[in-house]
Amino acid sequence: MRITSIELAGTSKTTLRDGTPGLPRAFAKISRKPSDEFITVEIIAPGDDRTHHVQADCDDDVRSMADCLQQTLDGYRGTNGDRHAYYCELQHFTD
């Protein structure tokens, strides 16, 4: 089995009056074509859509993208554990 894409939703910026979470602050779509040497990460946020191309065989590049995803989707600079969760998701695309 091979994962070819995954979509992530960040934490909610606001809570609605009834206590339910509002819309996420951002979304990310991570994908990689089998023959491509880059992981494509599309970040969709209000007024700030961007696309990153991450070198799949460069651990530093993957870790840097994990840090960026964590901060963008969660809205704060997280702990090593927080960032590691995103790193693990990106690892699906490094093989």
PDB file of N, CA and C in Angstrom:
ATOM      1  N   MET A   1       0.844  -1.175   0.000  1.00  0.00           N
ATOM      2  CA  MET A   1       0.000   0.000   0.000  1.00  0.00           C
ATOM      3  C   MET A   1       0.889   1.237   0.000  1.00  0.00           C
ATOM      4  N   ARG A   2       0.462   2.238  -0.730  1.00  0.00           N
ATOM      5  CA  ARG A   2       1.197   3.488  -0.787  1.00  0.00           C
ATOM      6  C   ARG A   2       0.213   4.650  -0.612  1.00  0.00           C
ATOM      7  N   ILE A   3       0.517   5.555   0.292  1.00  0.00           N
ATOM      8  CA  ILE A   3      -0.297   6.752   0.476  1.00  0.00           C
ATOM      9  C   ILE A   3       0.189   7.786  -0.523  1.00  0.00           C
ATOM     10  N   THR A   4      -0.725   8.313  -1.344  1.00  0.00           N
ATOM     11  CA  THR A   4      -0.340   9.287  -2.365  1.00  0.00           C
ATOM     12  C   THR A   4      -0.723  10.713  -2.003  1.00  0.00           C
ATOM     13  N   SER A   5      -1.688  10.874  -1.112  1.00  0.00           N
ATOM     14  CA  SER A   5      -2.026  12.221  -0.638  1.00  0.00           C
ATOM     15  C   SER A   5      -2.779  12.119   0.685  1.00  0.00           C
ATOM     16  N   ILE A   6      -2.722  13.198   1.406  1.00  0.00           N
ATOM     17  CA  ILE A   6      -3.412  13.283   2.693  1.00  0.00           C
ATOM     18  C   ILE A   6      -3.795  14.737   2.904  1.00  0.00           C
ATOM     19  N   GLU A   7      -4.922  14.976   3.549  1.00  0.00           N
ATOM     20  CA  GLU A   7      -5.363  16.338   3.850  1.00  0.00           C
ATOM     21  C   GLU A   7      -5.486  16.498   5.356  1.00  0.00           C
ATOM     22  N   LEU A   8      -4.989  17.616   5.854  1.00  0.00           N
ATOM     23  CA  LEU A   8      -5.015  17.917   7.282  1.00  0.00           C
ATOM     24  C   LEU A   8      -5.785  19.208   7.522  1.00  0.00           C
ATOM     25  N   ALA A   9      -6.481  19.275   8.623  1.00  0.00           N
ATOM     26  CA  ALA A   9      -7.170  20.490   9.039  1.00  0.00           C
ATOM     27  C   ALA A   9      -6.571  20.951  10.354  1.00  0.00           C
ATOM     28  N   GLY A  10      -6.293  22.230  10.460  1.00  0.00           N
ATOM     29  CA  GLY A  10      -5.724  22.777  11.680  1.00  0.00           C
ATOM     30  C   GLY A  10      -6.754  22.908  12.782  1.00  0.00           C
ATOM     31  N   THR A  11      -6.296  23.413  13.896  1.00  0.00           N
ATOM     32  CA  THR A  11      -7.207  23.650  15.014  1.00  0.00           C
ATOM     33  C   THR A  11      -8.114  24.823  14.688  1.00  0.00           C
ATOM     34  N   SER A  12      -9.191  24.924  15.411  1.00  0.00           N
ATOM     35  CA  SER A  12     -10.159  25.988  15.186  1.00  0.00           C
ATOM     36  C   SER A  12      -9.675  27.301  15.780  1.00  0.00           C
ATOM     37  N   LYS A  13      -9.892  28.388  15.041  1.00  0.00           N
ATOM     38  CA  LYS A  13      -9.534  29.719  15.546  1.00  0.00           C
ATOM     39  C   LYS A  13     -10.524  30.200  16.600  1.00  0.00           C
ATOM     40  N   THR A  14     -11.781  29.829  16.417  1.00  0.00           N
ATOM     41  CA  THR A  14     -12.828  30.359  17.289  1.00  0.00           C
ATOM     42  C   THR A  14     -13.763  29.251  17.737  1.00  0.00           C
ATOM     43  N   THR A  15     -14.537  29.562  18.721  1.00  0.00           N
ATOM     44  CA  THR A  15     -15.596  28.673  19.182  1.00  0.00           C
ATOM     45  C   THR A  15     -16.918  29.382  18.967  1.00  0.00           C
ATOM     46  N   LEU A  16     -17.879  28.651  18.435  1.00  0.00           N
ATOM     47  CA  LEU A  16     -19.196  29.232  18.194  1.00  0.00           C
ATOM     48  C   LEU A  16     -19.940  29.419  19.515  1.00  0.00           C
ATOM     49  N   ARG A  17     -21.013  30.177  19.477  1.00  0.00           N
ATOM     50  CA  ARG A  17     -21.766  30.478  20.700  1.00  0.00           C
ATOM     51  C   ARG A  17     -22.244  29.244  21.438  1.00  0.00           C
ATOM     52  N   ASP A  18     -22.545  28.180  20.669  1.00  0.00           N
ATOM     53  CA  ASP A  18     -23.037  26.961  21.330  1.00  0.00           C
ATOM     54  C   ASP A  18     -21.907  26.078  21.844  1.00  0.00           C
ATOM     55  N   GLY A  19     -20.658  26.548  21.726  1.00  0.00           N
ATOM     56  CA  GLY A  19     -19.520  25.807  22.249  1.00  0.00           C
ATOM     57  C   GLY A  19     -18.835  24.892  21.252  1.00  0.00           C
ATOM     58  N   THR A  20     -19.395  24.766  20.045  1.00  0.00           N
ATOM     59  CA  THR A  20     -18.753  23.921  19.038  1.00  0.00           C
ATOM     60  C   THR A  20     -17.639  24.699  18.344  1.00  0.00           C
ATOM     61  N   PRO A  21     -16.615  23.974  17.892  1.00  0.00           N
ATOM     62  CA  PRO A  21     -15.502  24.667  17.230  1.00  0.00           C
ATOM     63  C   PRO A  21     -15.925  25.300  15.909  1.00  0.00           C
ATOM     64  N   GLY A  22     -15.312  26.416  15.577  1.00  0.00           N
ATOM     65  CA  GLY A  22     -15.539  27.072  14.297  1.00  0.00           C
ATOM     66  C   GLY A  22     -14.664  26.432  13.233  1.00  0.00           C
ATOM     67  N   LEU A  23     -14.496  27.128  12.131  1.00  0.00           N
ATOM     68  CA  LEU A  23     -13.670  26.620  11.037  1.00  0.00           C
ATOM     69  C   LEU A  23     -12.198  26.543  11.444  1.00  0.00           C
ATOM     70  N   PRO A  24     -11.478  25.571  10.914  1.00  0.00           N
ATOM     71  CA  PRO A  24     -10.040  25.504  11.179  1.00  0.00           C
ATOM     72  C   PRO A  24      -9.318  26.733  10.643  1.00  0.00           C
ATOM     73  N   ARG A  25      -8.193  27.087  11.250  1.00  0.00           N
ATOM     74  CA  ARG A  25      -7.412  28.251  10.841  1.00  0.00           C
ATOM     75  C   ARG A  25      -6.753  28.038   9.498  1.00  0.00           C
ATOM     76  N   ALA A  26      -6.482  26.777   9.127  1.00  0.00           N
ATOM     77  CA  ALA A  26      -5.841  26.474   7.850  1.00  0.00           C
ATOM     78  C   ALA A  26      -6.004  24.989   7.546  1.00  0.00           C
ATOM     79  N   PHE A  27      -5.785  24.658   6.282  1.00  0.00           N
ATOM     80  CA  PHE A  27      -5.798  23.283   5.811  1.00  0.00           C
ATOM     81  C   PHE A  27      -4.489  23.029   5.078  1.00  0.00           C
ATOM     82  N   ALA A  28      -4.111  21.760   4.968  1.00  0.00           N
ATOM     83  CA  ALA A  28      -2.919  21.412   4.192  1.00  0.00           C
ATOM     84  C   ALA A  28      -3.204  20.138   3.414  1.00  0.00           C
ATOM     85  N   LYS A  29      -2.752  20.117   2.174  1.00  0.00           N
ATOM     86  CA  LYS A  29      -2.820  18.911   1.355  1.00  0.00           C
ATOM     87  C   LYS A  29      -1.392  18.509   1.041  1.00  0.00           C
ATOM     88  N   ILE A  30      -1.040  17.279   1.410  1.00  0.00           N
ATOM     89  CA  ILE A  30       0.306  16.757   1.197  1.00  0.00           C
ATOM     90  C   ILE A  30       0.201  15.659   0.147  1.00  0.00           C
ATOM     91  N   SER A  31       1.049  15.720  -0.870  1.00  0.00           N
ATOM     92  CA  SER A  31       1.001  14.706  -1.920  1.00  0.00           C
ATOM     93  C   SER A  31       2.381  14.526  -2.541  1.00  0.00           C
ATOM     94  N   ARG A  32       2.520  13.381  -3.211  1.00  0.00           N
ATOM     95  CA  ARG A  32       3.745  13.121  -3.960  1.00  0.00           C
ATOM     96  C   ARG A  32       3.443  12.113  -5.054  1.00  0.00           C
ATOM     97  N   LYS A  33       3.790  12.464  -6.268  1.00  0.00           N
ATOM     98  CA  LYS A  33       3.663  11.536  -7.383  1.00  0.00           C
ATOM     99  C   LYS A  33       4.800  10.529  -7.276  1.00  0.00           C
ATOM    100  N   PRO A  34       4.553   9.274  -7.632  1.00  0.00           N
ATOM    101  CA  PRO A  34       5.579   8.231  -7.478  1.00  0.00           C
ATOM    102  C   PRO A  34       6.926   8.566  -8.120  1.00  0.00           C
ATOM    103  N   SER A  35       6.938   9.243  -9.231  1.00  0.00           N
ATOM    104  CA  SER A  35       8.196   9.529  -9.917  1.00  0.00           C
ATOM    105  C   SER A  35       8.821  10.866  -9.515  1.00  0.00           C
ATOM    106  N   ASP A  36       8.180  11.606  -8.636  1.00  0.00           N
ATOM    107  CA  ASP A  36       8.647  12.945  -8.269  1.00  0.00           C
ATOM    108  C   ASP A  36       9.600  12.873  -7.075  1.00  0.00           C
ATOM    109  N   GLU A  37      10.635  13.690  -7.078  1.00  0.00           N
ATOM    110  CA  GLU A  37      11.571  13.710  -5.956  1.00  0.00           C
ATOM    111  C   GLU A  37      11.152  14.695  -4.867  1.00  0.00           C
ATOM    112  N   PHE A  38      10.049  15.412  -5.108  1.00  0.00           N
ATOM    113  CA  PHE A  38       9.561  16.395  -4.142  1.00  0.00           C
ATOM    114  C   PHE A  38       8.203  16.004  -3.585  1.00  0.00           C
ATOM    115  N   ILE A  39       7.985  16.321  -2.320  1.00  0.00           N
ATOM    116  CA  ILE A  39       6.677  16.245  -1.680  1.00  0.00           C
ATOM    117  C   ILE A  39       6.055  17.622  -1.876  1.00  0.00           C
ATOM    118  N   THR A  40       4.823  17.657  -2.344  1.00  0.00           N
ATOM    119  CA  THR A  40       4.126  18.930  -2.525  1.00  0.00           C
ATOM    120  C   THR A  40       3.214  19.158  -1.324  1.00  0.00           C
ATOM    121  N   VAL A  41       3.361  20.307  -0.695  1.00  0.00           N
ATOM    122  CA  VAL A  41       2.531  20.667   0.455  1.00  0.00           C
ATOM    123  C   VAL A  41       1.814  21.969   0.114  1.00  0.00           C
ATOM    124  N   GLU A  42       0.493  21.871  -0.033  1.00  0.00           N
ATOM    125  CA  GLU A  42      -0.327  23.047  -0.304  1.00  0.00           C
ATOM    126  C   GLU A  42      -0.977  23.475   1.006  1.00  0.00           C
ATOM    127  N   ILE A  43      -0.739  24.713   1.399  1.00  0.00           N
ATOM    128  CA  ILE A  43      -1.360  25.258   2.612  1.00  0.00           C
ATOM    129  C   ILE A  43      -2.439  26.235   2.180  1.00  0.00           C
ATOM    130  N   ILE A  44      -3.640  26.005   2.681  1.00  0.00           N
ATOM    131  CA  ILE A  44      -4.781  26.849   2.352  1.00  0.00           C
ATOM    132  C   ILE A  44      -5.223  27.538   3.636  1.00  0.00           C
ATOM    133  N   ALA A  45      -5.035  28.852   3.656  1.00  0.00           N
ATOM    134  CA  ALA A  45      -5.418  29.664   4.815  1.00  0.00           C
ATOM    135  C   ALA A  45      -6.059  30.945   4.292  1.00  0.00           C
ATOM    136  N   PRO A  46      -6.957  31.532   5.047  1.00  0.00           N
ATOM    137  CA  PRO A  46      -7.599  32.756   4.580  1.00  0.00           C
ATOM    138  C   PRO A  46      -6.568  33.820   4.188  1.00  0.00           C
ATOM    139  N   GLY A  47      -6.562  34.171   2.908  1.00  0.00           N
ATOM    140  CA  GLY A  47      -5.672  35.218   2.408  1.00  0.00           C
ATOM    141  C   GLY A  47      -4.211  34.814   2.309  1.00  0.00           C
ATOM    142  N   ASP A  48      -3.896  33.532   2.467  1.00  0.00           N
ATOM    143  CA  ASP A  48      -2.483  33.134   2.478  1.00  0.00           C
ATOM    144  C   ASP A  48      -2.298  31.709   1.965  1.00  0.00           C
ATOM    145  N   ASP A  49      -2.731  31.431   0.737  1.00  0.00           N
ATOM    146  CA  ASP A  49      -2.502  30.116   0.144  1.00  0.00           C
ATOM    147  C   ASP A  49      -1.070  30.063  -0.368  1.00  0.00           C
ATOM    148  N   ARG A  50      -0.408  28.937  -0.157  1.00  0.00           N
ATOM    149  CA  ARG A  50       0.956  28.781  -0.653  1.00  0.00           C
ATOM    150  C   ARG A  50       1.264  27.316  -0.890  1.00  0.00           C
ATOM    151  N   THR A  51       2.254  27.073  -1.742  1.00  0.00           N
ATOM    152  CA  THR A  51       2.680  25.722  -2.066  1.00  0.00           C
ATOM    153  C   THR A  51       4.164  25.592  -1.782  1.00  0.00           C
ATOM    154  N   HIS A  52       4.522  24.504  -1.111  1.00  0.00           N
ATOM    155  CA  HIS A  52       5.921  24.204  -0.797  1.00  0.00           C
ATOM    156  C   HIS A  52       6.311  22.924  -1.524  1.00  0.00           C
ATOM    157  N   HIS A  53       7.556  22.863  -1.979  1.00  0.00           N
ATOM    158  CA  HIS A  53       8.106  21.650  -2.587  1.00  0.00           C
ATOM    159  C   HIS A  53       9.247  21.193  -1.688  1.00  0.00           C
ATOM    160  N   VAL A  54       9.050  20.044  -1.045  1.00  0.00           N
ATOM    161  CA  VAL A  54       9.966  19.533  -0.035  1.00  0.00           C
ATOM    162  C   VAL A  54      10.784  18.394  -0.633  1.00  0.00           C
ATOM    163  N   GLN A  55      12.090  18.486  -0.535  1.00  0.00           N
ATOM    164  CA  GLN A  55      12.965  17.421  -1.045  1.00  0.00           C
ATOM    165  C   GLN A  55      12.714  16.159  -0.224  1.00  0.00           C
ATOM    166  N   ALA A  56      12.174  15.123  -0.864  1.00  0.00           N
ATOM    167  CA  ALA A  56      11.746  13.912  -0.145  1.00  0.00           C
ATOM    168  C   ALA A  56      12.889  13.169   0.527  1.00  0.00           C
ATOM    169  N   ASP A  57      14.088  13.241  -0.034  1.00  0.00           N
ATOM    170  CA  ASP A  57      15.215  12.497   0.548  1.00  0.00           C
ATOM    171  C   ASP A  57      16.098  13.352   1.450  1.00  0.00           C
ATOM    172  N   CYS A  58      15.620  14.523   1.834  1.00  0.00           N
ATOM    173  CA  CYS A  58      16.381  15.421   2.715  1.00  0.00           C
ATOM    174  C   CYS A  58      15.652  15.545   4.057  1.00  0.00           C
ATOM    175  N   ASP A  59      16.170  14.863   5.077  1.00  0.00           N
ATOM    176  CA  ASP A  59      15.508  14.856   6.382  1.00  0.00           C
ATOM    177  C   ASP A  59      15.377  16.267   6.963  1.00  0.00           C
ATOM    178  N   ASP A  60      16.376  17.124   6.762  1.00  0.00           N
ATOM    179  CA  ASP A  60      16.293  18.495   7.275  1.00  0.00           C
ATOM    180  C   ASP A  60      15.140  19.259   6.621  1.00  0.00           C
ATOM    181  N   ASP A  61      14.945  19.047   5.318  1.00  0.00           N
ATOM    182  CA  ASP A  61      13.859  19.711   4.602  1.00  0.00           C
ATOM    183  C   ASP A  61      12.502  19.218   5.117  1.00  0.00           C
ATOM    184  N   VAL A  62      12.395  17.911   5.338  1.00  0.00           N
ATOM    185  CA  VAL A  62      11.146  17.329   5.851  1.00  0.00           C
ATOM    186  C   VAL A  62      10.861  17.842   7.266  1.00  0.00           C
ATOM    187  N   ARG A  63      11.867  17.901   8.109  1.00  0.00           N
ATOM    188  CA  ARG A  63      11.683  18.415   9.480  1.00  0.00           C
ATOM    189  C   ARG A  63      11.275  19.894   9.477  1.00  0.00           C
ATOM    190  N   SER A  64      11.890  20.664   8.609  1.00  0.00           N
ATOM    191  CA  SER A  64      11.546  22.082   8.502  1.00  0.00           C
ATOM    192  C   SER A  64      10.080  22.257   8.075  1.00  0.00           C
ATOM    193  N   MET A  65       9.635  21.418   7.135  1.00  0.00           N
ATOM    194  CA  MET A  65       8.244  21.494   6.697  1.00  0.00           C
ATOM    195  C   MET A  65       7.310  21.075   7.813  1.00  0.00           C
ATOM    196  N   ALA A  66       7.703  20.079   8.593  1.00  0.00           N
ATOM    197  CA  ALA A  66       6.888  19.645   9.735  1.00  0.00           C
ATOM    198  C   ALA A  66       6.721  20.789  10.730  1.00  0.00           C
ATOM    199  N   ASP A  67       7.799  21.529  10.993  1.00  0.00           N
ATOM    200  CA  ASP A  67       7.725  22.679  11.897  1.00  0.00           C
ATOM    201  C   ASP A  67       6.760  23.737  11.355  1.00  0.00           C
ATOM    202  N   CYS A  68       6.869  24.008  10.056  1.00  0.00           N
ATOM    203  CA  CYS A  68       6.003  25.003   9.417  1.00  0.00           C
ATOM    204  C   CYS A  68       4.535  24.571   9.488  1.00  0.00           C
ATOM    205  N   LEU A  69       4.272  23.312   9.171  1.00  0.00           N
ATOM    206  CA  LEU A  69       2.896  22.809   9.233  1.00  0.00           C
ATOM    207  C   LEU A  69       2.330  22.908  10.643  1.00  0.00           C
ATOM    208  N   GLN A  70       3.110  22.496  11.613  1.00  0.00           N
ATOM    209  CA  GLN A  70       2.630  22.517  12.996  1.00  0.00           C
ATOM    210  C   GLN A  70       2.266  23.935  13.414  1.00  0.00           C
ATOM    211  N   GLN A  71       3.143  24.870  13.146  1.00  0.00           N
ATOM    212  CA  GLN A  71       2.888  26.248  13.572  1.00  0.00           C
ATOM    213  C   GLN A  71       1.709  26.852  12.807  1.00  0.00           C
ATOM    214  N   THR A  72       1.617  26.576  11.510  1.00  0.00           N
ATOM    215  CA  THR A  72       0.537  27.135  10.701  1.00  0.00           C
ATOM    216  C   THR A  72      -0.812  26.526  11.061  1.00  0.00           C
ATOM    217  N   LEU A  73      -0.874  25.216  11.185  1.00  0.00           N
ATOM    218  CA  LEU A  73      -2.160  24.557  11.434  1.00  0.00           C
ATOM    219  C   LEU A  73      -2.614  24.658  12.882  1.00  0.00           C
ATOM    220  N   ASP A  74      -1.670  24.640  13.820  1.00  0.00           N
ATOM    221  CA  ASP A  74      -2.044  24.711  15.233  1.00  0.00           C
ATOM    222  C   ASP A  74      -2.099  26.143  15.761  1.00  0.00           C
ATOM    223  N   GLY A  75      -1.410  27.062  15.096  1.00  0.00           N
ATOM    224  CA  GLY A  75      -1.476  28.465  15.495  1.00  0.00           C
ATOM    225  C   GLY A  75      -0.506  28.865  16.586  1.00  0.00           C
ATOM    226  N   TYR A  76       0.448  28.020  16.917  1.00  0.00           N
ATOM    227  CA  TYR A  76       1.463  28.334  17.937  1.00  0.00           C
ATOM    228  C   TYR A  76       2.679  27.458  17.687  1.00  0.00           C
ATOM    229  N   ARG A  77       3.812  27.853  18.224  1.00  0.00           N
ATOM    230  CA  ARG A  77       5.021  27.029  18.110  1.00  0.00           C
ATOM    231  C   ARG A  77       4.934  25.937  19.165  1.00  0.00           C
ATOM    232  N   GLY A  78       4.798  24.712  18.706  1.00  0.00           N
ATOM    233  CA  GLY A  78       4.558  23.594  19.600  1.00  0.00           C
ATOM    234  C   GLY A  78       5.812  22.978  20.174  1.00  0.00           C
ATOM    235  N   THR A  79       5.595  21.958  20.962  1.00  0.00           N
ATOM    236  CA  THR A  79       6.691  21.201  21.560  1.00  0.00           C
ATOM    237  C   THR A  79       7.292  20.264  20.512  1.00  0.00           C
ATOM    238  N   ASN A  80       8.391  19.612  20.876  1.00  0.00           N
ATOM    239  CA  ASN A  80       8.982  18.628  19.970  1.00  0.00           C
ATOM    240  C   ASN A  80       7.967  17.539  19.616  1.00  0.00           C
ATOM    241  N   GLY A  81       7.156  17.144  20.563  1.00  0.00           N
ATOM    242  CA  GLY A  81       6.132  16.127  20.316  1.00  0.00           C
ATOM    243  C   GLY A  81       5.084  16.593  19.323  1.00  0.00           C
ATOM    244  N   ASP A  82       4.681  17.852  19.436  1.00  0.00           N
ATOM    245  CA  ASP A  82       3.710  18.417  18.496  1.00  0.00           C
ATOM    246  C   ASP A  82       4.272  18.390  17.074  1.00  0.00           C
ATOM    247  N   ARG A  83       5.505  18.834  16.930  1.00  0.00           N
ATOM    248  CA  ARG A  83       6.134  18.890  15.610  1.00  0.00           C
ATOM    249  C   ARG A  83       6.408  17.494  15.072  1.00  0.00           C
ATOM    250  N   HIS A  84       6.731  16.554  15.965  1.00  0.00           N
ATOM    251  CA  HIS A  84       7.020  15.186  15.545  1.00  0.00           C
ATOM    252  C   HIS A  84       5.793  14.527  14.906  1.00  0.00           C
ATOM    253  N   ALA A  85       4.613  14.849  15.373  1.00  0.00           N
ATOM    254  CA  ALA A  85       3.390  14.285  14.794  1.00  0.00           C
ATOM    255  C   ALA A  85       3.276  14.657  13.314  1.00  0.00           C
ATOM    256  N   TYR A  86       3.609  15.890  12.970  1.00  0.00           N
ATOM    257  CA  TYR A  86       3.575  16.322  11.570  1.00  0.00           C
ATOM    258  C   TYR A  86       4.720  15.680  10.780  1.00  0.00           C
ATOM    259  N   TYR A  87       5.859  15.522  11.400  1.00  0.00           N
ATOM    260  CA  TYR A  87       6.992  14.854  10.761  1.00  0.00           C
ATOM    261  C   TYR A  87       6.598  13.418  10.382  1.00  0.00           C
ATOM    262  N   CYS A  88       5.913  12.737  11.274  1.00  0.00           N
ATOM    263  CA  CYS A  88       5.471  11.366  10.992  1.00  0.00           C
ATOM    264  C   CYS A  88       4.528  11.316   9.800  1.00  0.00           C
ATOM    265  N   GLU A  89       3.641  12.288   9.687  1.00  0.00           N
ATOM    266  CA  GLU A  89       2.738  12.344   8.527  1.00  0.00           C
ATOM    267  C   GLU A  89       3.521  12.541   7.236  1.00  0.00           C
ATOM    268  N   LEU A  90       4.508  13.412   7.262  1.00  0.00           N
ATOM    269  CA  LEU A  90       5.327  13.649   6.071  1.00  0.00           C
ATOM    270  C   LEU A  90       6.162  12.424   5.704  1.00  0.00           C
ATOM    271  N   GLN A  91       6.520  11.616   6.680  1.00  0.00           N
ATOM    272  CA  GLN A  91       7.331  10.419   6.430  1.00  0.00           C
ATOM    273  C   GLN A  91       6.619   9.426   5.500  1.00  0.00           C
ATOM    274  N   HIS A  92       5.302   9.473   5.427  1.00  0.00           N
ATOM    275  CA  HIS A  92       4.564   8.608   4.512  1.00  0.00           C
ATOM    276  C   HIS A  92       4.969   8.863   3.060  1.00  0.00           C
ATOM    277  N   PHE A  93       5.544  10.011   2.788  1.00  0.00           N
ATOM    278  CA  PHE A  93       5.840  10.428   1.422  1.00  0.00           C
ATOM    279  C   PHE A  93       7.324  10.414   1.089  1.00  0.00           C
ATOM    280  N   THR A  94       8.153   9.920   1.990  1.00  0.00           N
ATOM    281  CA  THR A  94       9.594   9.968   1.757  1.00  0.00           C
ATOM    282  C   THR A  94      10.142   8.711   1.095  1.00  0.00           C
ATOM    283  N   ASP A  95       9.382   7.649   1.036  1.00  0.00           N
ATOM    284  CA  ASP A  95       9.863   6.388   0.439  1.00  0.00           C
ATOM    285  C   ASP A  95       9.792   6.420  -1.072  1.00  0.00           C
TER     286      ASP A  95
END
